[in-house]
């Protein structure tokens, strides 16, 4: 299929990374989703992208409220990441660590561990085993419907150092818990937080006396929380969300994948209706993070008064060198 590509250039410095976010319509057909992901990855190779970010559960599609939960479990286990070894190896073999070309593919999928299923983020990179738990982030905060199918992840955050900056990870509902993002920013000192989501669009909030109403309250929260996550913590927010209608539940997903600067300002955002690929070139992750702190450095001011948050082991993982390097 043909993807519409929205391309913008952040700076003239070609040593900075180019990042592609997939504002993708995910079906509940695993083969269809994998084929679509392969097309996105191929396009990323052709356009000299360095990092690709896919939405949550981009392999299986999102769960649904079924009369028999066994049907959903069967579907999720069919798309288990443990069944994708050949696919992962093919993608990883196409990647490079030279600093030029596609180096990272970040995606989210089901991870089976014994009888438990986890909602997990995986990193494909030339020098790591994507099934190594130290390079996997398991979703911590599960909404009620996911509690029926997934096991909650431990409070084990994933931070990676790249050639272009330090990245932390959230998955969908995690975004609403400000303490998690704040730990990434203040404790781990990340430059960017990557969020992968299947974020709904429709929910009504109304204040009749004020003549104020929205039918897309969840969508409003997506935009608000990505902006505030960036602004409060002075980090980049890079967020990939699903778009379109779920084929069974008929829920609409908000799309709106985007890039928010450490100021909280949105610099690029995708459609709330259509599939699109966002490509932002030469994005200065570390440099812009520092420039936003020139006037006020929230981390230093915060820790000068409340320093307890700095006391925990940061659990940082390095990807620019092989695990045993």
Protein backbone atom coordinates (compact mmCIF):
# COMPACT_ATOMS: atom_id res chain seq x y z
CA UNK A 1 0.00 0.00 0.00
CA UNK A 2 1.00 3.64 -0.42
CA UNK A 3 1.68 5.61 2.75
CA UNK A 4 1.29 9.35 2.92
CA UNK A 5 4.55 10.76 4.30
CA UNK A 6 4.62 14.09 6.15
CA UNK A 7 8.24 15.24 6.10
CA UNK A 8 9.79 18.22 7.89
CA UNK A 9 13.38 19.26 8.62
CA UNK A 10 14.21 20.44 12.14
CA UNK A 11 17.75 21.70 11.51
CA UNK A 12 20.50 21.89 8.89
CA UNK A 13 22.78 19.59 10.90
CA UNK A 14 22.78 16.26 9.06
CA UNK A 15 24.67 14.58 11.89
CA UNK A 16 21.42 14.68 13.89
CA UNK A 17 18.96 11.78 13.57
CA UNK A 18 15.96 11.45 11.32
CA UNK A 19 13.00 9.83 13.08
CA UNK A 20 9.91 8.26 11.56
CA UNK A 21 6.69 7.72 13.55
CA UNK A 22 3.99 5.42 12.17
CA UNK A 23 0.47 6.81 12.63
CA UNK A 24 -0.81 3.38 11.70
CA UNK A 25 -4.18 1.67 11.35
CA UNK A 26 -3.58 -1.68 13.05
CA UNK A 27 -5.91 -4.55 12.21
CA UNK A 28 -6.39 -7.77 14.19
CA UNK A 29 -4.73 -9.70 11.36
CA UNK A 30 -1.15 -10.34 12.39
CA UNK A 31 0.10 -11.06 8.88
CA UNK A 32 -1.43 -7.85 7.55
CA UNK A 33 0.18 -5.83 10.34
CA UNK A 34 3.62 -7.40 9.85
CA UNK A 35 3.45 -6.74 6.12
CA UNK A 36 2.55 -3.13 6.77
CA UNK A 37 5.43 -2.79 9.25
CA UNK A 38 7.83 -4.25 6.67
CA UNK A 39 6.69 -1.66 4.15
CA UNK A 40 7.29 1.13 6.66
CA UNK A 41 10.76 -0.23 7.46
CA UNK A 42 11.61 -0.48 3.77
CA UNK A 43 10.53 3.11 3.24
CA UNK A 44 12.69 4.13 6.21
CA UNK A 45 15.70 2.48 4.56
CA UNK A 46 15.00 4.28 1.30
CA UNK A 47 14.74 7.67 3.01
CA UNK A 48 17.79 7.34 5.27
CA UNK A 49 15.78 7.29 8.49
CA UNK A 50 17.70 6.41 11.68
CA UNK A 51 14.89 5.50 14.09
CA UNK A 52 11.41 4.06 13.41
CA UNK A 53 8.72 4.08 16.10
CA UNK A 54 5.54 1.97 15.79
CA UNK A 55 2.36 2.15 17.94
CA UNK A 56 1.35 -0.17 20.76
CA UNK A 57 0.36 -3.76 19.88
CA UNK A 58 1.19 -3.03 16.25
CA UNK A 59 1.60 -6.77 15.52
CA UNK A 60 -1.68 -8.14 16.94
CA UNK A 61 -3.85 -5.07 17.07
CA UNK A 62 -5.67 -4.06 20.25
CA UNK A 63 -7.72 -6.31 22.54
CA UNK A 64 -11.52 -6.22 22.63
CA UNK A 65 -14.41 -7.05 24.93
CA UNK A 66 -15.33 -10.58 23.86
CA UNK A 67 -18.05 -12.89 25.16
CA UNK A 68 -15.36 -15.50 25.64
CA UNK A 69 -11.95 -14.13 26.68
CA UNK A 70 -10.39 -17.34 25.39
CA UNK A 71 -10.83 -16.03 21.84
CA UNK A 72 -8.76 -12.95 22.64
CA UNK A 73 -6.13 -14.99 24.45
CA UNK A 74 -5.81 -17.29 21.46
CA UNK A 75 -5.35 -14.31 19.17
CA UNK A 76 -2.72 -12.71 21.42
CA UNK A 77 -0.76 -15.94 21.81
CA UNK A 78 -0.75 -16.36 18.03
CA UNK A 79 1.07 -13.03 17.70
CA UNK A 80 3.42 -13.62 20.65
CA UNK A 81 6.82 -12.10 19.99
CA UNK A 82 8.39 -15.49 20.68
CA UNK A 83 6.83 -16.61 17.38
CA UNK A 84 8.49 -13.81 15.39
CA UNK A 85 12.13 -14.90 15.56
CA UNK A 86 12.53 -15.16 11.78
CA UNK A 87 10.86 -11.79 11.19
CA UNK A 88 12.92 -10.07 13.88
CA UNK A 89 16.19 -11.52 12.59
CA UNK A 90 15.42 -10.36 9.06
CA UNK A 91 14.71 -6.82 10.24
CA UNK A 92 17.71 -6.71 12.56
CA UNK A 93 20.02 -7.97 9.81
CA UNK A 94 18.97 -4.99 7.68
CA UNK A 95 19.99 -2.46 10.34
CA UNK A 96 23.28 -0.60 10.70
CA UNK A 97 25.18 0.98 13.57
CA UNK A 98 27.31 3.23 11.35
CA UNK A 99 25.40 6.41 12.30
CA UNK A 100 24.07 6.65 8.76
CA UNK A 101 20.97 4.66 7.87
CA UNK A 102 18.37 2.79 9.87
CA UNK A 103 19.71 1.75 13.28
CA UNK A 104 16.70 1.33 15.59
CA UNK A 105 13.24 -0.15 15.08
CA UNK A 106 11.09 0.35 18.19
CA UNK A 107 7.83 -1.60 18.38
CA UNK A 108 5.37 -3.09 20.84
CA UNK A 109 3.94 -6.61 20.97
CA UNK A 110 2.67 -9.42 23.17
CA UNK A 111 5.35 -11.22 25.20
CA UNK A 112 4.53 -14.63 26.60
CA UNK A 113 6.24 -15.83 29.78
CA UNK A 114 4.85 -19.17 30.89
CA UNK A 115 1.12 -18.68 31.45
CA UNK A 116 1.46 -14.88 31.59
CA UNK A 117 1.23 -12.36 28.77
CA UNK A 118 2.91 -8.96 28.93
CA UNK A 119 2.34 -5.85 26.86
CA UNK A 120 5.95 -5.13 25.93
CA UNK A 121 8.15 -2.76 23.97
CA UNK A 122 11.03 -4.27 21.99
CA UNK A 123 14.13 -2.71 20.47
CA UNK A 124 15.65 -4.03 17.26
CA UNK A 125 19.29 -3.03 16.89
CA UNK A 126 22.30 -4.77 15.33
CA UNK A 127 24.02 -5.50 18.64
CA UNK A 128 21.29 -6.78 20.92
CA UNK A 129 19.08 -9.80 21.34
CA UNK A 130 15.54 -8.36 21.19
CA UNK A 131 14.27 -11.12 23.49
CA UNK A 132 16.80 -10.30 26.22
CA UNK A 133 14.63 -9.04 29.13
CA UNK A 134 17.11 -6.29 29.99
CA UNK A 135 16.22 -4.59 26.70
CA UNK A 136 12.44 -4.98 27.06
CA UNK A 137 9.96 -2.65 28.74
CA UNK A 138 6.77 -4.24 30.12
CA UNK A 139 3.76 -1.96 30.48
CA UNK A 140 3.28 -1.05 34.13
CA UNK A 141 -0.16 0.59 34.21
CA UNK A 142 -2.92 -1.48 32.61
CA UNK A 143 -6.45 -0.15 31.93
CA UNK A 144 -9.28 -2.44 33.07
CA UNK A 145 -9.76 -4.30 29.77
CA UNK A 146 -6.04 -5.12 29.55
CA UNK A 147 -6.04 -6.46 33.11
CA UNK A 148 -8.14 -9.34 31.77
CA UNK A 149 -5.39 -10.44 29.39
CA UNK A 150 -2.02 -9.04 30.48
CA UNK A 151 0.13 -9.24 33.58
CA UNK A 152 1.31 -5.94 34.98
CA UNK A 153 4.98 -5.23 34.39
CA UNK A 154 7.31 -4.60 37.32
CA UNK A 155 8.56 -1.10 38.07
CA UNK A 156 11.54 -1.70 35.79
CA UNK A 157 12.07 1.18 33.41
CA UNK A 158 14.13 0.96 30.26
CA UNK A 159 16.58 3.70 29.32
CA UNK A 160 18.87 3.48 26.30
CA UNK A 161 21.82 5.61 25.31
CA UNK A 162 22.08 6.25 21.58
CA UNK A 163 24.47 8.30 19.47
CA UNK A 164 21.93 11.11 19.57
CA UNK A 165 20.69 11.14 23.14
CA UNK A 166 19.15 9.14 25.95
CA UNK A 167 15.65 7.68 25.54
CA UNK A 168 13.07 6.33 28.01
CA UNK A 169 9.88 4.42 27.23
CA UNK A 170 6.18 4.47 28.13
CA UNK A 171 3.21 2.49 26.79
CA UNK A 172 -0.19 4.18 26.36
CA UNK A 173 -1.91 4.36 29.79
CA UNK A 174 1.52 4.83 31.42
CA UNK A 175 1.36 8.35 29.97
CA UNK A 176 -1.27 9.41 32.51
CA UNK A 177 0.99 8.76 35.53
CA UNK A 178 3.26 11.76 35.81
CA UNK A 179 5.57 10.16 38.37
CA UNK A 180 6.81 7.63 35.81
CA UNK A 181 7.78 10.29 33.28
CA UNK A 182 9.30 12.36 36.07
CA UNK A 183 11.53 9.47 37.13
CA UNK A 184 12.77 9.19 33.58
CA UNK A 185 13.52 12.90 33.46
CA UNK A 186 14.91 13.61 36.92
CA UNK A 187 16.45 10.30 37.88
CA UNK A 188 17.61 8.95 34.54
CA UNK A 189 18.11 12.33 32.88
CA UNK A 190 16.67 11.24 29.55
CA UNK A 191 16.52 13.59 26.58
CA UNK A 192 13.37 12.03 25.10
CA UNK A 193 10.47 9.85 26.19
CA UNK A 194 9.00 7.51 23.57
CA UNK A 195 5.33 6.58 23.99
CA UNK A 196 3.65 3.82 21.97
CA UNK A 197 -0.13 3.75 22.21
CA UNK A 198 -3.55 2.53 21.15
CA UNK A 199 -5.19 5.66 22.51
CA UNK A 200 -8.95 6.05 22.07
CA UNK A 201 -10.62 9.12 20.68
CA UNK A 202 -14.19 9.21 21.94
CA UNK A 203 -15.39 10.13 25.39
CA UNK A 204 -17.83 12.87 26.35
CA UNK A 205 -17.11 15.64 28.84
CA UNK A 206 -19.73 18.37 29.17
CA UNK A 207 -20.26 21.43 31.36
CA UNK A 208 -23.74 22.58 30.30
CA UNK A 209 -23.78 25.77 32.35
CA UNK A 210 -20.66 26.92 30.53
CA UNK A 211 -21.80 25.66 27.11
CA UNK A 212 -18.62 23.55 26.93
CA UNK A 213 -18.59 20.03 25.51
CA UNK A 214 -16.27 17.63 23.72
CA UNK A 215 -17.00 14.21 22.22
CA UNK A 216 -13.27 13.50 21.96
CA UNK A 217 -12.11 13.93 25.54
CA UNK A 218 -9.60 11.08 25.33
CA UNK A 219 -8.10 12.69 22.24
CA UNK A 220 -7.85 15.96 24.14
CA UNK A 221 -5.94 14.13 26.89
CA UNK A 222 -3.50 12.61 24.38
CA UNK A 223 -2.50 16.03 23.08
CA UNK A 224 -2.47 17.58 26.55
CA UNK A 225 -0.42 14.86 28.23
CA UNK A 226 2.21 14.60 25.52
CA UNK A 227 2.64 18.36 25.64
CA UNK A 228 2.73 18.56 29.44
CA UNK A 229 5.03 15.52 29.72
CA UNK A 230 7.51 17.36 27.53
CA UNK A 231 7.11 20.78 29.18
CA UNK A 232 7.11 19.69 32.84
CA UNK A 233 10.17 17.54 32.35
CA UNK A 234 12.00 19.56 29.66
CA UNK A 235 12.39 16.50 27.43
CA UNK A 236 11.26 15.55 23.94
CA UNK A 237 8.01 13.61 23.65
CA UNK A 238 7.97 11.21 20.68
CA UNK A 239 4.62 9.44 20.47
CA UNK A 240 3.26 6.88 17.99
CA UNK A 241 -0.45 6.10 18.18
CA UNK A 242 -2.84 3.91 16.25
CA UNK A 243 -5.51 5.53 14.06
CA UNK A 244 -8.82 4.32 12.62
CA UNK A 245 -11.64 2.09 13.85
CA UNK A 246 -11.17 -1.20 15.65
CA UNK A 247 -12.74 -3.92 13.46
CA UNK A 248 -14.59 -5.60 16.35
CA UNK A 249 -15.15 -3.06 19.13
CA UNK A 250 -15.64 -0.24 16.58
CA UNK A 251 -13.79 2.13 18.88
CA UNK A 252 -11.94 4.95 17.17
CA UNK A 253 -8.30 5.54 17.91
CA UNK A 254 -7.10 9.12 18.02
CA UNK A 255 -3.99 8.93 15.87
CA UNK A 256 -2.27 12.26 16.42
CA UNK A 257 1.18 10.71 16.57
CA UNK A 258 3.63 13.51 17.02
CA UNK A 259 6.75 15.25 18.21
CA UNK A 260 6.67 17.69 21.12
CA UNK A 261 9.76 19.76 21.93
CA UNK A 262 11.10 20.13 25.50
CA UNK A 263 9.17 23.41 25.67
CA UNK A 264 5.93 21.42 25.35
CA UNK A 265 5.23 22.91 21.92
CA UNK A 266 4.14 20.54 19.18
CA UNK A 267 6.44 20.68 16.17
CA UNK A 268 4.84 17.95 14.05
CA UNK A 269 1.63 15.93 14.38
CA UNK A 270 -0.22 13.37 12.27
CA UNK A 271 -3.87 13.07 11.32
CA UNK A 272 -6.58 11.98 13.75
CA UNK A 273 -8.34 10.17 10.90
CA UNK A 274 -5.87 8.87 8.32
CA UNK A 275 -2.78 6.68 8.28
CA UNK A 276 0.35 8.81 7.88
CA UNK A 277 4.07 8.49 8.42
CA UNK A 278 5.74 11.42 10.14
CA UNK A 279 9.37 11.98 9.18
CA UNK A 280 11.30 14.64 11.07
CA UNK A 281 14.86 15.12 9.83
CA UNK A 282 17.94 16.32 11.69
CA UNK A 283 16.19 16.57 15.05
CA UNK A 284 18.61 17.89 17.66
CA UNK A 285 17.65 15.74 20.63
CA UNK A 286 20.42 16.62 23.11
CA UNK A 287 21.11 20.16 21.92
CA UNK A 288 17.52 21.35 22.06
CA UNK A 289 17.03 19.74 25.46
CA UNK A 290 19.92 21.81 26.81
CA UNK A 291 18.73 25.00 25.13
CA UNK A 292 15.31 24.69 26.77
CA UNK A 293 17.05 24.62 30.17
CA UNK A 294 19.00 27.84 29.65
CA UNK A 295 16.31 29.97 31.29
CA UNK A 296 15.14 27.53 33.97
CA UNK A 297 16.47 24.07 34.76
CA UNK A 298 13.55 22.33 36.45
CA UNK A 299 15.58 19.27 37.43
CA UNK A 300 18.21 21.25 39.32
CA UNK A 301 15.65 23.48 40.99
CA UNK A 302 13.52 20.48 42.00
CA UNK A 303 16.37 18.42 43.37
CA UNK A 304 17.69 21.37 45.31
CA UNK A 305 14.57 21.16 47.46
CA UNK A 306 13.42 17.55 47.05
CA UNK A 307 16.36 15.25 46.44
CA UNK A 308 14.89 11.82 47.33
CA UNK A 309 14.07 11.00 43.72
CA UNK A 310 17.77 10.71 42.87
CA UNK A 311 18.38 7.82 45.23
CA UNK A 312 17.35 4.83 43.08
CA UNK A 313 19.47 2.69 40.74
CA UNK A 314 18.89 4.07 37.21
CA UNK A 315 19.04 0.70 35.39
CA UNK A 316 20.48 2.22 32.24
CA UNK A 317 21.09 0.03 29.19
CA UNK A 318 23.62 0.95 26.52
CA UNK A 319 22.94 0.05 22.91
CA UNK A 320 25.77 1.70 20.98
CA UNK A 321 28.13 -1.08 22.07
CA UNK A 322 27.45 -4.82 22.09
CA UNK A 323 26.09 -6.09 25.43
CA UNK A 324 29.44 -7.67 26.27
CA UNK A 325 31.47 -4.85 24.74
